[in-house]
Amino acid sequence: MTDIKRIEVGARMSQAVVHGDTVYLAGQVAQRAPGASVADQTRDILAKTDELLAAAGTDKSKLLSATIWLTDIGTFNEMNAVWDAWVSPGNTPARACVEAKLAAPQFTVEIAVVAAR
């Protein structure tokens, strides 16, 4: 039987779950969202993603998939400029990016990833 490790456990969800050699991150939103640009929110999210992946014993070079939600698909290029600078060259994950309403109006970007360990 494979153990399950939960990271930053809350009443509603864990920020990361490790099962075997796979790490699942909850959708991440910017900690400093109000008034922040899409680029700034993306940077904040990716920094938190790095922290959670490290806590789970992995890093962005082992990303398997990513799902990105934008409140305005017109900001796709702005988000991608930050994403492209962050993602590990040659180790890009399978990815989807869609326009969607998010949980609160101050959030303009949400990103969830799955990674190997």
C-alpha atoms as a PDB file:
ATOM      1  CA  MET A   1       0.000   0.000   0.000  1.00  0.00           C
ATOM      2  CA  THR A   2       1.297   3.462  -0.932  1.00  0.00           C
ATOM      3  CA  ASP A   3       1.332   6.119   1.752  1.00  0.00           C
ATOM      4  CA  ILE A   4      -0.322   9.481   1.179  1.00  0.00           C
ATOM      5  CA  LYS A   5       1.421  12.638   2.437  1.00  0.00           C
ATOM      6  CA  ARG A   6      -0.534  15.886   2.698  1.00  0.00           C
ATOM      7  CA  ILE A   7       1.166  19.296   2.810  1.00  0.00           C
ATOM      8  CA  GLU A   8      -0.397  22.474   4.263  1.00  0.00           C
ATOM      9  CA  VAL A   9      -3.566  20.668   5.278  1.00  0.00           C
ATOM     10  CA  GLY A  10      -6.666  22.776   5.775  1.00  0.00           C
ATOM     11  CA  ALA A  11     -10.277  22.073   6.665  1.00  0.00           C
ATOM     12  CA  ARG A  12     -11.328  22.189   2.999  1.00  0.00           C
ATOM     13  CA  MET A  13      -8.227  21.052   1.125  1.00  0.00           C
ATOM     14  CA  SER A  14      -4.516  20.370   1.218  1.00  0.00           C
ATOM     15  CA  GLN A  15      -2.199  22.561  -0.831  1.00  0.00           C
ATOM     16  CA  ALA A  16      -0.268  19.487  -2.000  1.00  0.00           C
ATOM     17  CA  VAL A  17      -0.765  15.738  -1.850  1.00  0.00           C
ATOM     18  CA  VAL A  18       1.951  13.159  -2.512  1.00  0.00           C
ATOM     19  CA  HIS A  19       0.889   9.662  -3.526  1.00  0.00           C
ATOM     20  CA  GLY A  20       3.710   7.348  -4.512  1.00  0.00           C
ATOM     21  CA  ASP A  21       5.907   9.225  -6.949  1.00  0.00           C
ATOM     22  CA  THR A  22       3.241  11.728  -7.977  1.00  0.00           C
ATOM     23  CA  VAL A  23       2.654  15.181  -6.476  1.00  0.00           C
ATOM     24  CA  TYR A  24      -0.669  16.969  -6.929  1.00  0.00           C
ATOM     25  CA  LEU A  25      -0.911  20.685  -6.148  1.00  0.00           C
ATOM     26  CA  ALA A  26      -4.203  22.438  -5.464  1.00  0.00           C
ATOM     27  CA  GLY A  27      -4.991  25.373  -7.697  1.00  0.00           C
ATOM     28  CA  GLN A  28      -2.797  28.231  -6.530  1.00  0.00           C
ATOM     29  CA  VAL A  29      -3.815  31.889  -6.532  1.00  0.00           C
ATOM     30  CA  ALA A  30      -1.704  34.942  -5.714  1.00  0.00           C
ATOM     31  CA  GLN A  31      -1.219  35.732  -2.039  1.00  0.00           C
ATOM     32  CA  ARG A  32      -0.968  39.439  -2.878  1.00  0.00           C
ATOM     33  CA  ALA A  33      -3.737  39.607  -5.468  1.00  0.00           C
ATOM     34  CA  PRO A  34      -5.658  42.868  -4.932  1.00  0.00           C
ATOM     35  CA  GLY A  35      -4.440  45.369  -7.521  1.00  0.00           C
ATOM     36  CA  ALA A  36      -1.690  43.082  -8.817  1.00  0.00           C
ATOM     37  CA  SER A  37      -1.250  42.623 -12.565  1.00  0.00           C
ATOM     38  CA  VAL A  38      -1.677  39.242 -14.237  1.00  0.00           C
ATOM     39  CA  ALA A  39       2.127  39.058 -14.538  1.00  0.00           C
ATOM     40  CA  ASP A  40       2.610  39.811 -10.830  1.00  0.00           C
ATOM     41  CA  GLN A  41      -0.063  37.309  -9.816  1.00  0.00           C
ATOM     42  CA  THR A  42       1.547  34.675 -12.048  1.00  0.00           C
ATOM     43  CA  ARG A  43       4.992  35.327 -10.481  1.00  0.00           C
ATOM     44  CA  ASP A  44       3.487  34.993  -6.990  1.00  0.00           C
ATOM     45  CA  ILE A  45       1.723  31.745  -7.901  1.00  0.00           C
ATOM     46  CA  LEU A  46       4.848  30.218  -9.449  1.00  0.00           C
ATOM     47  CA  ALA A  47       6.942  31.131  -6.390  1.00  0.00           C
ATOM     48  CA  LYS A  48       4.398  29.332  -4.173  1.00  0.00           C
ATOM     49  CA  THR A  49       4.398  26.413  -6.627  1.00  0.00           C
ATOM     50  CA  ASP A  50       8.190  26.164  -6.269  1.00  0.00           C
ATOM     51  CA  GLU A  51       7.836  26.110  -2.459  1.00  0.00           C
ATOM     52  CA  LEU A  52       5.167  23.400  -2.479  1.00  0.00           C
ATOM     53  CA  LEU A  53       7.055  21.245  -4.975  1.00  0.00           C
ATOM     54  CA  ALA A  54      10.207  21.505  -2.818  1.00  0.00           C
ATOM     55  CA  ALA A  55       8.217  20.532   0.291  1.00  0.00           C
ATOM     56  CA  ALA A  56       7.007  17.475  -1.635  1.00  0.00           C
ATOM     57  CA  GLY A  57      10.551  16.515  -2.680  1.00  0.00           C
ATOM     58  CA  THR A  58      10.458  17.598  -6.315  1.00  0.00           C
ATOM     59  CA  ASP A  59      10.796  20.643  -8.561  1.00  0.00           C
ATOM     60  CA  LYS A  60       9.476  22.241 -11.735  1.00  0.00           C
ATOM     61  CA  SER A  61      11.778  20.136 -13.950  1.00  0.00           C
ATOM     62  CA  LYS A  62       9.528  17.168 -13.124  1.00  0.00           C
ATOM     63  CA  LEU A  63       6.174  18.760 -14.029  1.00  0.00           C
ATOM     64  CA  LEU A  64       3.800  16.369 -15.770  1.00  0.00           C
ATOM     65  CA  SER A  65       0.825  18.647 -16.365  1.00  0.00           C
ATOM     66  CA  ALA A  66      -0.449  22.145 -15.670  1.00  0.00           C
ATOM     67  CA  THR A  67      -3.884  23.713 -15.839  1.00  0.00           C
ATOM     68  CA  ILE A  68      -4.124  27.495 -15.969  1.00  0.00           C
ATOM     69  CA  TRP A  69      -7.300  29.498 -15.545  1.00  0.00           C
ATOM     70  CA  LEU A  70      -7.434  33.184 -16.576  1.00  0.00           C
ATOM     71  CA  THR A  71     -10.375  35.470 -15.893  1.00  0.00           C
ATOM     72  CA  ASP A  72      -9.608  37.188 -19.212  1.00  0.00           C
ATOM     73  CA  ILE A  73      -8.061  35.142 -22.039  1.00  0.00           C
ATOM     74  CA  GLY A  74      -6.864  38.487 -23.416  1.00  0.00           C
ATOM     75  CA  THR A  75      -4.131  38.331 -20.743  1.00  0.00           C
ATOM     76  CA  PHE A  76      -2.786  35.036 -22.170  1.00  0.00           C
ATOM     77  CA  ASN A  77       0.423  36.623 -23.521  1.00  0.00           C
ATOM     78  CA  GLU A  78       1.077  38.516 -20.266  1.00  0.00           C
ATOM     79  CA  MET A  79       0.783  35.311 -18.230  1.00  0.00           C
ATOM     80  CA  ASN A  80       2.838  33.349 -20.772  1.00  0.00           C
ATOM     81  CA  ALA A  81       5.728  35.825 -20.590  1.00  0.00           C
ATOM     82  CA  VAL A  82       6.118  34.956 -16.893  1.00  0.00           C
ATOM     83  CA  TRP A  83       5.396  31.240 -17.377  1.00  0.00           C
ATOM     84  CA  ASP A  84       7.950  30.921 -20.210  1.00  0.00           C
ATOM     85  CA  ALA A  85      10.668  32.536 -18.062  1.00  0.00           C
ATOM     86  CA  TRP A  86       9.877  30.165 -15.161  1.00  0.00           C
ATOM     87  CA  VAL A  87       9.272  26.773 -16.768  1.00  0.00           C
ATOM     88  CA  SER A  88      12.242  24.390 -17.000  1.00  0.00           C
ATOM     89  CA  PRO A  89      13.557  24.400 -20.609  1.00  0.00           C
ATOM     90  CA  GLY A  90      13.157  21.005 -22.225  1.00  0.00           C
ATOM     91  CA  ASN A  91      10.885  19.843 -19.382  1.00  0.00           C
ATOM     92  CA  THR A  92       7.654  21.597 -20.282  1.00  0.00           C
ATOM     93  CA  PRO A  93       4.505  19.833 -19.044  1.00  0.00           C
ATOM     94  CA  ALA A  94       1.344  18.976 -20.881  1.00  0.00           C
ATOM     95  CA  ARG A  95      -0.753  22.107 -20.368  1.00  0.00           C
ATOM     96  CA  ALA A  96      -4.223  23.561 -20.731  1.00  0.00           C
ATOM     97  CA  CYS A  97      -5.180  27.223 -20.370  1.00  0.00           C
ATOM     98  CA  VAL A  98      -8.781  28.413 -20.317  1.00  0.00           C
ATOM     99  CA  GLU A  99     -10.841  31.478 -19.451  1.00  0.00           C
ATOM    100  CA  ALA A 100     -12.986  31.049 -16.345  1.00  0.00           C
ATOM    101  CA  LYS A 101     -14.492  32.889 -13.394  1.00  0.00           C
ATOM    102  CA  LEU A 102     -12.374  32.371 -10.289  1.00  0.00           C
ATOM    103  CA  ALA A 103     -13.395  32.133  -6.626  1.00  0.00           C
ATOM    104  CA  ALA A 104     -13.017  35.858  -5.891  1.00  0.00           C
ATOM    105  CA  PRO A 105     -12.820  38.948  -8.126  1.00  0.00           C
ATOM    106  CA  GLN A 106      -9.282  39.906  -7.025  1.00  0.00           C
ATOM    107  CA  PHE A 107      -7.885  36.710  -8.574  1.00  0.00           C
ATOM    108  CA  THR A 108      -7.059  36.889 -12.278  1.00  0.00           C
ATOM    109  CA  VAL A 109      -4.941  33.716 -12.552  1.00  0.00           C
ATOM    110  CA  GLU A 110      -5.060  30.248 -10.970  1.00  0.00           C
ATOM    111  CA  ILE A 111      -2.574  27.467 -11.697  1.00  0.00           C
ATOM    112  CA  ALA A 112      -2.627  23.783 -10.685  1.00  0.00           C
ATOM    113  CA  VAL A 113       0.190  21.358 -11.485  1.00  0.00           C
ATOM    114  CA  VAL A 114       0.987  17.664 -11.188  1.00  0.00           C
ATOM    115  CA  ALA A 115       4.619  16.555 -10.924  1.00  0.00           C
ATOM    116  CA  ALA A 116       6.686  13.406 -10.553  1.00  0.00           C
ATOM    117  CA  ARG A 117       9.124  12.958  -7.674  1.00  0.00           C
END
